[in-house]
Amino acid sequence: MDIMTKEIDQLENITKYEYDKMFNIKKVILPNNIEKEIGRIYEYYPFHNVLKTEDAE
Protein backbone atom coordinates (compact mmCIF):
# COMPACT_ATOMS: atom_id res chain seq x y z
CA MET A 1 0.00 0.00 0.00
CA ASP A 2 1.31 3.43 -0.90
CA ILE A 3 0.79 6.15 1.67
CA MET A 4 1.94 9.74 1.51
CA THR A 5 4.63 10.41 4.12
CA LYS A 6 5.50 13.90 2.96
CA GLU A 7 4.24 16.57 0.61
CA ILE A 8 6.42 19.23 -1.02
CA ASP A 9 4.70 22.32 -2.35
CA GLN A 10 5.84 24.63 -5.17
CA LEU A 11 7.95 26.68 -2.76
CA GLU A 12 9.65 23.46 -1.53
CA ASN A 13 7.97 23.59 1.89
CA ILE A 14 7.62 20.09 3.33
CA THR A 15 4.62 18.75 5.25
CA LYS A 16 5.21 15.37 6.96
CA TYR A 17 2.59 12.71 7.71
CA GLU A 18 2.89 9.90 10.27
CA TYR A 19 0.51 6.93 10.42
CA ASP A 20 -0.48 4.27 12.93
CA LYS A 21 -0.45 0.54 12.13
CA MET A 22 -4.03 0.80 10.77
CA PHE A 23 -2.91 3.54 8.32
CA ASN A 24 -4.81 6.30 10.11
CA ILE A 25 -3.03 9.65 10.16
CA LYS A 26 -1.36 9.88 13.57
CA LYS A 27 0.47 13.21 13.18
CA VAL A 28 0.76 16.02 10.63
CA ILE A 29 3.82 18.26 10.87
CA LEU A 30 3.55 21.54 8.97
CA PRO A 31 6.54 23.17 7.24
CA ASN A 32 7.21 25.76 9.96
CA ASN A 33 7.54 22.98 12.59
CA ILE A 34 9.59 20.34 10.73
CA GLU A 35 12.80 20.87 12.71
CA LYS A 36 10.97 20.71 16.06
CA GLU A 37 8.79 17.73 14.96
CA ILE A 38 5.74 19.55 16.40
CA GLY A 39 2.39 18.91 14.75
CA ARG A 40 -1.28 18.09 15.02
CA ILE A 41 -1.92 14.73 16.69
CA TYR A 42 -4.94 12.55 15.88
CA GLU A 43 -6.56 9.87 18.04
CA TYR A 44 -9.20 7.44 16.81
CA TYR A 45 -12.11 5.35 18.05
CA PRO A 46 -12.14 1.78 16.80
CA PHE A 47 -13.13 1.57 13.14
CA HIS A 48 -11.21 4.73 12.18
CA ASN A 49 -13.52 7.46 13.47
CA VAL A 50 -11.63 10.50 14.79
CA LEU A 51 -11.85 10.73 18.58
CA LYS A 52 -9.86 13.95 19.00
CA THR A 53 -7.23 16.16 17.47
CA GLU A 54 -4.65 18.10 19.42
CA ASP A 55 -2.02 20.66 18.44
CA ALA A 56 1.24 19.59 20.08
CA GLU A 57 3.60 22.23 21.36
PDB file of N, CA and C in Angstrom:
ATOM      1  N   MET A   1       0.846  -1.174   0.000  1.00  0.00           N
ATOM      2  CA  MET A   1       0.000   0.000   0.000  1.00  0.00           C
ATOM      3  C   MET A   1       0.891   1.236   0.000  1.00  0.00           C
ATOM      4  N   ASP A   2       0.575   2.172  -0.848  1.00  0.00           N
ATOM      5  CA  ASP A   2       1.315   3.429  -0.903  1.00  0.00           C
ATOM      6  C   ASP A   2       0.605   4.470  -0.051  1.00  0.00           C
ATOM      7  N   ILE A   3       1.341   5.058   0.866  1.00  0.00           N
ATOM      8  CA  ILE A   3       0.790   6.147   1.672  1.00  0.00           C
ATOM      9  C   ILE A   3       1.735   7.335   1.587  1.00  0.00           C
ATOM     10  N   MET A   4       1.145   8.524   1.623  1.00  0.00           N
ATOM     11  CA  MET A   4       1.936   9.740   1.511  1.00  0.00           C
ATOM     12  C   MET A   4       2.582  10.042   2.860  1.00  0.00           C
ATOM     13  N   THR A   5       3.908  10.101   2.883  1.00  0.00           N
ATOM     14  CA  THR A   5       4.627  10.408   4.118  1.00  0.00           C
ATOM     15  C   THR A   5       5.114  11.847   4.154  1.00  0.00           C
ATOM     16  N   LYS A   6       5.188  12.480   2.995  1.00  0.00           N
ATOM     17  CA  LYS A   6       5.505  13.905   2.963  1.00  0.00           C
ATOM     18  C   LYS A   6       4.986  14.509   1.678  1.00  0.00           C
ATOM     19  N   GLU A   7       4.750  15.813   1.746  1.00  0.00           N
ATOM     20  CA  GLU A   7       4.241  16.565   0.614  1.00  0.00           C
ATOM     21  C   GLU A   7       5.129  17.798   0.458  1.00  0.00           C
ATOM     22  N   ILE A   8       5.568  18.065  -0.750  1.00  0.00           N
ATOM     23  CA  ILE A   8       6.416  19.225  -1.024  1.00  0.00           C
ATOM     24  C   ILE A   8       5.649  20.146  -1.955  1.00  0.00           C
ATOM     25  N   ASP A   9       5.447  21.391  -1.513  1.00  0.00           N
ATOM     26  CA  ASP A   9       4.699  22.322  -2.351  1.00  0.00           C
ATOM     27  C   ASP A   9       5.620  23.020  -3.358  1.00  0.00           C
ATOM     28  N   GLN A  10       5.081  23.948  -4.125  1.00  0.00           N
ATOM     29  CA  GLN A  10       5.842  24.627  -5.168  1.00  0.00           C
ATOM     30  C   GLN A  10       6.984  25.476  -4.622  1.00  0.00           C
ATOM     31  N   LEU A  11       6.882  25.887  -3.385  1.00  0.00           N
ATOM     32  CA  LEU A  11       7.946  26.680  -2.756  1.00  0.00           C
ATOM     33  C   LEU A  11       8.924  25.796  -1.984  1.00  0.00           C
ATOM     34  N   GLU A  12       8.809  24.474  -2.168  1.00  0.00           N
ATOM     35  CA  GLU A  12       9.652  23.462  -1.534  1.00  0.00           C
ATOM     36  C   GLU A  12       9.485  23.381  -0.019  1.00  0.00           C
ATOM     37  N   ASN A  13       8.309  23.783   0.484  1.00  0.00           N
ATOM     38  CA  ASN A  13       7.973  23.586   1.889  1.00  0.00           C
ATOM     39  C   ASN A  13       7.505  22.144   2.049  1.00  0.00           C
ATOM     40  N   ILE A  14       7.928  21.501   3.115  1.00  0.00           N
ATOM     41  CA  ILE A  14       7.623  20.088   3.334  1.00  0.00           C
ATOM     42  C   ILE A  14       6.621  19.936   4.473  1.00  0.00           C
ATOM     43  N   THR A  15       5.567  19.165   4.230  1.00  0.00           N
ATOM     44  CA  THR A  15       4.619  18.746   5.254  1.00  0.00           C
ATOM     45  C   THR A  15       4.797  17.247   5.429  1.00  0.00           C
ATOM     46  N   LYS A  16       4.994  16.798   6.685  1.00  0.00           N
ATOM     47  CA  LYS A  16       5.209  15.374   6.956  1.00  0.00           C
ATOM     48  C   LYS A  16       3.949  14.750   7.552  1.00  0.00           C
ATOM     49  N   TYR A  17       3.730  13.471   7.218  1.00  0.00           N
ATOM     50  CA  TYR A  17       2.591  12.715   7.713  1.00  0.00           C
ATOM     51  C   TYR A  17       3.085  11.437   8.370  1.00  0.00           C
ATOM     52  N   GLU A  18       2.573  11.141   9.572  1.00  0.00           N
ATOM     53  CA  GLU A  18       2.892   9.901  10.270  1.00  0.00           C
ATOM     54  C   GLU A  18       1.593   9.123  10.455  1.00  0.00           C
ATOM     55  N   TYR A  19       1.688   7.787  10.374  1.00  0.00           N
ATOM     56  CA  TYR A  19       0.507   6.927  10.421  1.00  0.00           C
ATOM     57  C   TYR A  19       0.645   5.880  11.511  1.00  0.00           C
ATOM     58  N   ASP A  20      -0.507   5.404  12.008  1.00  0.00           N
ATOM     59  CA  ASP A  20      -0.477   4.274  12.933  1.00  0.00           C
ATOM     60  C   ASP A  20      -0.501   2.968  12.138  1.00  0.00           C
ATOM     61  N   LYS A  21      -0.527   1.837  12.824  1.00  0.00           N
ATOM     62  CA  LYS A  21      -0.452   0.545  12.129  1.00  0.00           C
ATOM     63  C   LYS A  21      -1.705   0.225  11.324  1.00  0.00           C
ATOM     64  N   MET A  22      -2.803   0.980  11.552  1.00  0.00           N
ATOM     65  CA  MET A  22      -4.028   0.801  10.770  1.00  0.00           C
ATOM     66  C   MET A  22      -4.121   1.809   9.618  1.00  0.00           C
ATOM     67  N   PHE A  23      -3.016   2.544   9.387  1.00  0.00           N
ATOM     68  CA  PHE A  23      -2.907   3.541   8.318  1.00  0.00           C
ATOM     69  C   PHE A  23      -3.798   4.761   8.530  1.00  0.00           C
ATOM     70  N   ASN A  24      -4.151   5.040   9.775  1.00  0.00           N
ATOM     71  CA  ASN A  24      -4.812   6.301  10.110  1.00  0.00           C
ATOM     72  C   ASN A  24      -3.720   7.353  10.291  1.00  0.00           C
ATOM     73  N   ILE A  25      -4.010   8.582   9.914  1.00  0.00           N
ATOM     74  CA  ILE A  25      -3.030   9.647  10.157  1.00  0.00           C
ATOM     75  C   ILE A  25      -2.888   9.822  11.661  1.00  0.00           C
ATOM     76  N   LYS A  26      -1.658   9.745  12.145  1.00  0.00           N
ATOM     77  CA  LYS A  26      -1.363   9.884  13.566  1.00  0.00           C
ATOM     78  C   LYS A  26      -0.877  11.305  13.877  1.00  0.00           C
ATOM     79  N   LYS A  27      -0.104  11.886  12.937  1.00  0.00           N
ATOM     80  CA  LYS A  27       0.470  13.208  13.180  1.00  0.00           C
ATOM     81  C   LYS A  27       0.739  13.891  11.849  1.00  0.00           C
ATOM     82  N   VAL A  28       0.447  15.201  11.795  1.00  0.00           N
ATOM     83  CA  VAL A  28       0.759  16.021  10.626  1.00  0.00           C
ATOM     84  C   VAL A  28       1.668  17.142  11.105  1.00  0.00           C
ATOM     85  N   ILE A  29       2.841  17.241  10.486  1.00  0.00           N
ATOM     86  CA  ILE A  29       3.821  18.264  10.866  1.00  0.00           C
ATOM     87  C   ILE A  29       3.914  19.257   9.717  1.00  0.00           C
ATOM     88  N   LEU A  30       3.546  20.498   9.989  1.00  0.00           N
ATOM     89  CA  LEU A  30       3.552  21.542   8.971  1.00  0.00           C
ATOM     90  C   LEU A  30       4.961  22.080   8.749  1.00  0.00           C
ATOM     91  N   PRO A  31       5.186  22.733   7.604  1.00  0.00           N
ATOM     92  CA  PRO A  31       6.541  23.174   7.238  1.00  0.00           C
ATOM     93  C   PRO A  31       7.256  24.025   8.294  1.00  0.00           C
ATOM     94  N   ASN A  32       6.537  24.889   8.981  1.00  0.00           N
ATOM     95  CA  ASN A  32       7.207  25.757   9.958  1.00  0.00           C
ATOM     96  C   ASN A  32       7.590  25.035  11.245  1.00  0.00           C
ATOM     97  N   ASN A  33       7.224  23.746  11.377  1.00  0.00           N
ATOM     98  CA  ASN A  33       7.542  22.979  12.589  1.00  0.00           C
ATOM     99  C   ASN A  33       8.356  21.716  12.314  1.00  0.00           C
ATOM    100  N   ILE A  34       8.865  21.550  11.112  1.00  0.00           N
ATOM    101  CA  ILE A  34       9.589  20.335  10.726  1.00  0.00           C
ATOM    102  C   ILE A  34      10.788  20.078  11.642  1.00  0.00           C
ATOM    103  N   GLU A  35      11.592  21.076  11.900  1.00  0.00           N
ATOM    104  CA  GLU A  35      12.802  20.873  12.707  1.00  0.00           C
ATOM    105  C   GLU A  35      12.467  20.480  14.141  1.00  0.00           C
ATOM    106  N   LYS A  36      11.375  21.003  14.682  1.00  0.00           N
ATOM    107  CA  LYS A  36      10.973  20.706  16.061  1.00  0.00           C
ATOM    108  C   LYS A  36      10.117  19.449  16.155  1.00  0.00           C
ATOM    109  N   GLU A  37       9.666  18.914  15.011  1.00  0.00           N
ATOM    110  CA  GLU A  37       8.787  17.734  14.956  1.00  0.00           C
ATOM    111  C   GLU A  37       7.488  17.963  15.719  1.00  0.00           C
ATOM    112  N   ILE A  38       6.990  19.204  15.727  1.00  0.00           N
ATOM    113  CA  ILE A  38       5.743  19.553  16.398  1.00  0.00           C
ATOM    114  C   ILE A  38       4.627  19.546  15.362  1.00  0.00           C
ATOM    115  N   GLY A  39       3.491  18.945  15.704  1.00  0.00           N
ATOM    116  CA  GLY A  39       2.395  18.909  14.751  1.00  0.00           C
ATOM    117  C   GLY A  39       1.060  18.605  15.398  1.00  0.00           C
ATOM    118  N   ARG A  40       0.056  18.441  14.558  1.00  0.00           N
ATOM    119  CA  ARG A  40      -1.281  18.088  15.023  1.00  0.00           C
ATOM    120  C   ARG A  40      -1.352  16.574  15.188  1.00  0.00           C
ATOM    121  N   ILE A  41      -1.840  16.144  16.355  1.00  0.00           N
ATOM    122  CA  ILE A  41      -1.920  14.727  16.690  1.00  0.00           C
ATOM    123  C   ILE A  41      -3.384  14.288  16.607  1.00  0.00           C
ATOM    124  N   TYR A  42      -3.604  13.108  16.041  1.00  0.00           N
ATOM    125  CA  TYR A  42      -4.944  12.554  15.878  1.00  0.00           C
ATOM    126  C   TYR A  42      -5.074  11.269  16.680  1.00  0.00           C
ATOM    127  N   GLU A  43      -6.227  11.111  17.354  1.00  0.00           N
ATOM    128  CA  GLU A  43      -6.558   9.870  18.044  1.00  0.00           C
ATOM    129  C   GLU A  43      -7.883   9.371  17.481  1.00  0.00           C
ATOM    130  N   TYR A  44      -8.047   8.045  17.463  1.00  0.00           N
ATOM    131  CA  TYR A  44      -9.205   7.439  16.811  1.00  0.00           C
ATOM    132  C   TYR A  44      -9.954   6.488  17.720  1.00  0.00           C
ATOM    133  N   TYR A  45     -11.281   6.426  17.519  1.00  0.00           N
ATOM    134  CA  TYR A  45     -12.112   5.350  18.045  1.00  0.00           C
ATOM    135  C   TYR A  45     -11.805   4.109  17.214  1.00  0.00           C
ATOM    136  N   PRO A  46     -12.231   2.944  17.683  1.00  0.00           N
ATOM    137  CA  PRO A  46     -12.135   1.776  16.803  1.00  0.00           C
ATOM    138  C   PRO A  46     -12.906   2.053  15.501  1.00  0.00           C
ATOM    139  N   PHE A  47     -12.519   1.429  14.461  1.00  0.00           N
ATOM    140  CA  PHE A  47     -13.130   1.566  13.140  1.00  0.00           C
ATOM    141  C   PHE A  47     -12.874   2.932  12.507  1.00  0.00           C
ATOM    142  N   HIS A  48     -11.766   3.579  12.889  1.00  0.00           N
ATOM    143  CA  HIS A  48     -11.206   4.726  12.177  1.00  0.00           C
ATOM    144  C   HIS A  48     -11.962   6.045  12.316  1.00  0.00           C
ATOM    145  N   ASN A  49     -12.869   6.182  13.250  1.00  0.00           N
ATOM    146  CA  ASN A  49     -13.520   7.463  13.469  1.00  0.00           C
ATOM    147  C   ASN A  49     -12.642   8.324  14.367  1.00  0.00           C
ATOM    148  N   VAL A  50     -12.489   9.601  14.015  1.00  0.00           N
ATOM    149  CA  VAL A  50     -11.631  10.502  14.790  1.00  0.00           C
ATOM    150  C   VAL A  50     -12.238  10.740  16.164  1.00  0.00           C
ATOM    151  N   LEU A  51     -11.453  10.491  17.198  1.00  0.00           N
ATOM    152  CA  LEU A  51     -11.847  10.727  18.578  1.00  0.00           C
ATOM    153  C   LEU A  51     -11.519  12.159  18.966  1.00  0.00           C
ATOM    154  N   LYS A  52     -10.268  12.575  18.702  1.00  0.00           N
ATOM    155  CA  LYS A  52      -9.864  13.948  19.001  1.00  0.00           C
ATOM    156  C   LYS A  52      -8.634  14.321  18.221  1.00  0.00           C
ATOM    157  N   THR A  53      -8.440  15.620  18.059  1.00  0.00           N
ATOM    158  CA  THR A  53      -7.225  16.155  17.473  1.00  0.00           C
ATOM    159  C   THR A  53      -6.636  17.134  18.475  1.00  0.00           C
ATOM    160  N   GLU A  54      -5.329  17.258  18.452  1.00  0.00           N
ATOM    161  CA  GLU A  54      -4.646  18.103  19.415  1.00  0.00           C
ATOM    162  C   GLU A  54      -3.411  18.713  18.751  1.00  0.00           C
ATOM    163  N   ASP A  55      -3.232  20.020  18.945  1.00  0.00           N
ATOM    164  CA  ASP A  55      -2.023  20.664  18.444  1.00  0.00           C
ATOM    165  C   ASP A  55      -0.940  20.520  19.490  1.00  0.00           C
ATOM    166  N   ALA A  56       0.122  19.791  19.154  1.00  0.00           N
ATOM    167  CA  ALA A  56       1.236  19.589  20.083  1.00  0.00           C
ATOM    168  C   ALA A  56       2.108  20.832  20.107  1.00  0.00           C
ATOM    169  N   GLU A  57       2.694  21.083  21.247  1.00  0.00           N
ATOM    170  CA  GLU A  57       3.597  22.235  21.359  1.00  0.00           C
ATOM    171  C   GLU A  57       4.941  21.801  21.870  1.00  0.00           C
TER     172      GLU A  57
END
